[in-house]
Amino acid sequence: MSESVAHWVLTVAGAYALAGVLFAVPFAWRGAAVLEPVAREGTLGFRLLILPGAATLWPLLLYRWWRATR
């Protein structure tokens, strides 16, 4: 793999990770409760626990959150 391809792959992965982190915080705070009503009663520990998964699966969760609010 050439250096420019490796740089491009790391840049895309970094952008995906940054978008995931920026999405995960508001999703854990409010969006999870929209998709799953039981999550409204979630504790701070629950919200911290779902952050990594929300950051990883952010495109799917964003789509589902968007559809749930329409």
N, C-alpha and C. Protein backbone atom coordinates (compact mmCIF):
# COMPACT_ATOMS: atom_id res chain seq x y z
N MET A 1 0.85 -1.16 0.00
CA MET A 1 0.00 0.00 0.00
C MET A 1 0.90 1.23 0.00
N SER A 2 0.59 2.15 -0.87
CA SER A 2 1.42 3.34 -0.94
C SER A 2 1.10 4.28 0.23
N GLU A 3 1.99 5.18 0.45
CA GLU A 3 1.85 6.10 1.57
C GLU A 3 0.64 7.01 1.40
N SER A 4 0.35 7.42 0.18
CA SER A 4 -0.80 8.31 -0.03
C SER A 4 -2.12 7.57 0.21
N VAL A 5 -2.18 6.32 -0.16
CA VAL A 5 -3.40 5.53 0.10
C VAL A 5 -3.58 5.33 1.60
N ALA A 6 -2.51 5.04 2.29
CA ALA A 6 -2.58 4.86 3.74
C ALA A 6 -3.01 6.16 4.41
N HIS A 7 -2.49 7.27 3.95
CA HIS A 7 -2.88 8.57 4.50
C HIS A 7 -4.37 8.81 4.26
N TRP A 8 -4.86 8.53 3.08
CA TRP A 8 -6.27 8.71 2.75
C TRP A 8 -7.16 7.83 3.62
N VAL A 9 -6.77 6.57 3.81
CA VAL A 9 -7.55 5.65 4.63
C VAL A 9 -7.62 6.15 6.07
N LEU A 10 -6.50 6.59 6.61
CA LEU A 10 -6.48 7.11 7.98
C LEU A 10 -7.28 8.40 8.12
N THR A 11 -7.26 9.24 7.09
CA THR A 11 -8.03 10.47 7.12
C THR A 11 -9.53 10.17 7.13
N VAL A 12 -9.96 9.25 6.29
CA VAL A 12 -11.38 8.87 6.24
C VAL A 12 -11.80 8.21 7.55
N ALA A 13 -10.96 7.34 8.09
CA ALA A 13 -11.29 6.68 9.36
C ALA A 13 -11.35 7.71 10.49
N GLY A 14 -10.47 8.66 10.50
CA GLY A 14 -10.48 9.71 11.51
C GLY A 14 -11.72 10.59 11.42
N ALA A 15 -12.12 10.92 10.19
CA ALA A 15 -13.32 11.72 10.00
C ALA A 15 -14.57 10.96 10.45
N TYR A 16 -14.62 9.67 10.16
CA TYR A 16 -15.73 8.82 10.59
C TYR A 16 -15.78 8.77 12.12
N ALA A 17 -14.63 8.60 12.75
CA ALA A 17 -14.57 8.53 14.21
C ALA A 17 -14.97 9.86 14.84
N LEU A 18 -14.52 10.97 14.27
CA LEU A 18 -14.87 12.28 14.80
C LEU A 18 -16.37 12.52 14.66
N ALA A 19 -16.94 12.19 13.51
CA ALA A 19 -18.38 12.34 13.32
C ALA A 19 -19.14 11.46 14.31
N GLY A 20 -18.62 10.27 14.56
CA GLY A 20 -19.26 9.36 15.51
C GLY A 20 -19.26 9.90 16.92
N VAL A 21 -18.15 10.47 17.34
CA VAL A 21 -18.07 11.03 18.70
C VAL A 21 -18.99 12.25 18.82
N LEU A 22 -19.01 13.09 17.79
CA LEU A 22 -19.88 14.26 17.83
C LEU A 22 -21.36 13.88 17.82
N PHE A 23 -21.69 12.77 17.20
CA PHE A 23 -23.07 12.29 17.18
C PHE A 23 -23.43 11.57 18.48
N ALA A 24 -22.52 10.80 19.02
CA ALA A 24 -22.82 9.91 20.15
C ALA A 24 -23.25 10.65 21.40
N VAL A 25 -22.66 11.79 21.66
CA VAL A 25 -22.99 12.52 22.89
C VAL A 25 -24.45 12.97 22.89
N PRO A 26 -24.93 13.69 21.88
CA PRO A 26 -26.36 14.06 21.92
C PRO A 26 -27.28 12.86 21.78
N PHE A 27 -26.83 11.83 21.07
CA PHE A 27 -27.67 10.65 20.94
C PHE A 27 -27.84 9.96 22.29
N ALA A 28 -26.75 9.82 23.03
CA ALA A 28 -26.84 9.16 24.33
C ALA A 28 -27.69 9.98 25.29
N TRP A 29 -27.65 11.30 25.15
CA TRP A 29 -28.38 12.15 26.07
C TRP A 29 -29.87 12.21 25.74
N ARG A 30 -30.22 12.28 24.44
CA ARG A 30 -31.63 12.43 24.06
C ARG A 30 -32.14 11.43 23.05
N GLY A 31 -31.34 11.08 22.08
CA GLY A 31 -31.79 10.24 20.98
C GLY A 31 -32.16 8.84 21.37
N ALA A 32 -31.46 8.27 22.31
CA ALA A 32 -31.77 6.90 22.74
C ALA A 32 -33.17 6.83 23.31
N ALA A 33 -33.60 7.87 23.99
CA ALA A 33 -34.95 7.90 24.56
C ALA A 33 -36.02 7.99 23.49
N VAL A 34 -35.67 8.57 22.35
CA VAL A 34 -36.64 8.65 21.25
C VAL A 34 -36.83 7.27 20.63
N LEU A 35 -35.74 6.53 20.46
CA LEU A 35 -35.82 5.21 19.85
C LEU A 35 -36.34 4.15 20.81
N GLU A 36 -36.02 4.29 22.07
CA GLU A 36 -36.42 3.29 23.06
C GLU A 36 -36.92 4.02 24.31
N PRO A 37 -38.23 4.03 24.54
CA PRO A 37 -38.78 4.79 25.66
C PRO A 37 -38.21 4.40 27.02
N VAL A 38 -37.80 3.16 27.19
CA VAL A 38 -37.22 2.73 28.47
C VAL A 38 -35.92 3.47 28.74
N ALA A 39 -35.23 3.93 27.72
CA ALA A 39 -33.96 4.63 27.88
C ALA A 39 -34.14 6.00 28.53
N ARG A 40 -35.38 6.51 28.58
CA ARG A 40 -35.60 7.79 29.25
C ARG A 40 -35.19 7.73 30.71
N GLU A 41 -35.32 6.58 31.30
CA GLU A 41 -35.00 6.40 32.71
C GLU A 41 -33.55 5.95 32.92
N GLY A 42 -32.76 5.94 31.84
CA GLY A 42 -31.38 5.48 31.93
C GLY A 42 -30.52 6.37 32.80
N THR A 43 -29.63 5.76 33.53
CA THR A 43 -28.73 6.49 34.41
C THR A 43 -27.54 7.03 33.62
N LEU A 44 -26.71 7.78 34.29
CA LEU A 44 -25.49 8.29 33.66
C LEU A 44 -24.60 7.13 33.23
N GLY A 45 -24.54 6.09 34.04
CA GLY A 45 -23.75 4.92 33.67
C GLY A 45 -24.24 4.27 32.39
N PHE A 46 -25.55 4.18 32.23
CA PHE A 46 -26.12 3.64 31.00
C PHE A 46 -25.73 4.49 29.80
N ARG A 47 -25.83 5.80 29.95
CA ARG A 47 -25.50 6.69 28.84
C ARG A 47 -24.02 6.60 28.47
N LEU A 48 -23.16 6.47 29.46
CA LEU A 48 -21.73 6.30 29.18
C LEU A 48 -21.46 4.96 28.51
N LEU A 49 -22.24 3.96 28.88
CA LEU A 49 -22.06 2.63 28.33
C LEU A 49 -22.44 2.56 26.85
N ILE A 50 -23.42 3.33 26.42
CA ILE A 50 -23.85 3.25 25.02
C ILE A 50 -23.05 4.18 24.10
N LEU A 51 -22.21 5.04 24.67
CA LEU A 51 -21.42 5.96 23.84
C LEU A 51 -20.56 5.26 22.78
N PRO A 52 -19.76 4.23 23.12
CA PRO A 52 -18.92 3.62 22.07
C PRO A 52 -19.73 2.99 20.94
N GLY A 53 -20.81 2.33 21.28
CA GLY A 53 -21.65 1.73 20.24
C GLY A 53 -22.31 2.77 19.37
N ALA A 54 -22.78 3.86 19.98
CA ALA A 54 -23.40 4.93 19.21
C ALA A 54 -22.38 5.61 18.30
N ALA A 55 -21.15 5.76 18.78
CA ALA A 55 -20.11 6.37 17.95
C ALA A 55 -19.76 5.48 16.76
N THR A 56 -19.81 4.19 16.96
CA THR A 56 -19.47 3.26 15.89
C THR A 56 -20.61 3.12 14.88
N LEU A 57 -21.82 3.05 15.36
CA LEU A 57 -22.97 2.81 14.49
C LEU A 57 -23.73 4.10 14.17
N TRP A 58 -23.06 5.23 14.20
CA TRP A 58 -23.75 6.50 14.07
C TRP A 58 -24.57 6.67 12.79
N PRO A 59 -24.16 6.18 11.61
CA PRO A 59 -25.03 6.40 10.44
C PRO A 59 -26.39 5.69 10.59
N LEU A 60 -26.38 4.47 11.08
CA LEU A 60 -27.63 3.73 11.27
C LEU A 60 -28.50 4.39 12.33
N LEU A 61 -27.90 4.78 13.44
CA LEU A 61 -28.67 5.40 14.52
C LEU A 61 -29.19 6.78 14.12
N LEU A 62 -28.41 7.53 13.36
CA LEU A 62 -28.87 8.82 12.88
C LEU A 62 -30.09 8.65 11.98
N TYR A 63 -30.04 7.68 11.10
CA TYR A 63 -31.17 7.41 10.22
C TYR A 63 -32.41 7.01 11.02
N ARG A 64 -32.24 6.12 11.99
CA ARG A 64 -33.38 5.68 12.79
C ARG A 64 -33.92 6.81 13.65
N TRP A 65 -33.07 7.65 14.20
CA TRP A 65 -33.50 8.80 15.02
C TRP A 65 -34.26 9.78 14.15
N TRP A 66 -33.74 10.05 12.95
CA TRP A 66 -34.40 10.95 12.02
C TRP A 66 -35.78 10.43 11.63
N ARG A 67 -35.88 9.13 11.35
CA ARG A 67 -37.17 8.54 10.98
C ARG A 67 -38.16 8.56 12.14
N ALA A 68 -37.67 8.39 13.36
CA ALA A 68 -38.55 8.37 14.52
C ALA A 68 -39.14 9.74 14.83
N THR A 69 -38.43 10.79 14.47
CA THR A 69 -38.92 12.13 14.76
C THR A 69 -39.84 12.66 13.68
N ARG A 70 -39.96 11.98 12.58
CA ARG A 70 -40.83 12.45 11.49
C ARG A 70 -42.22 11.93 11.64
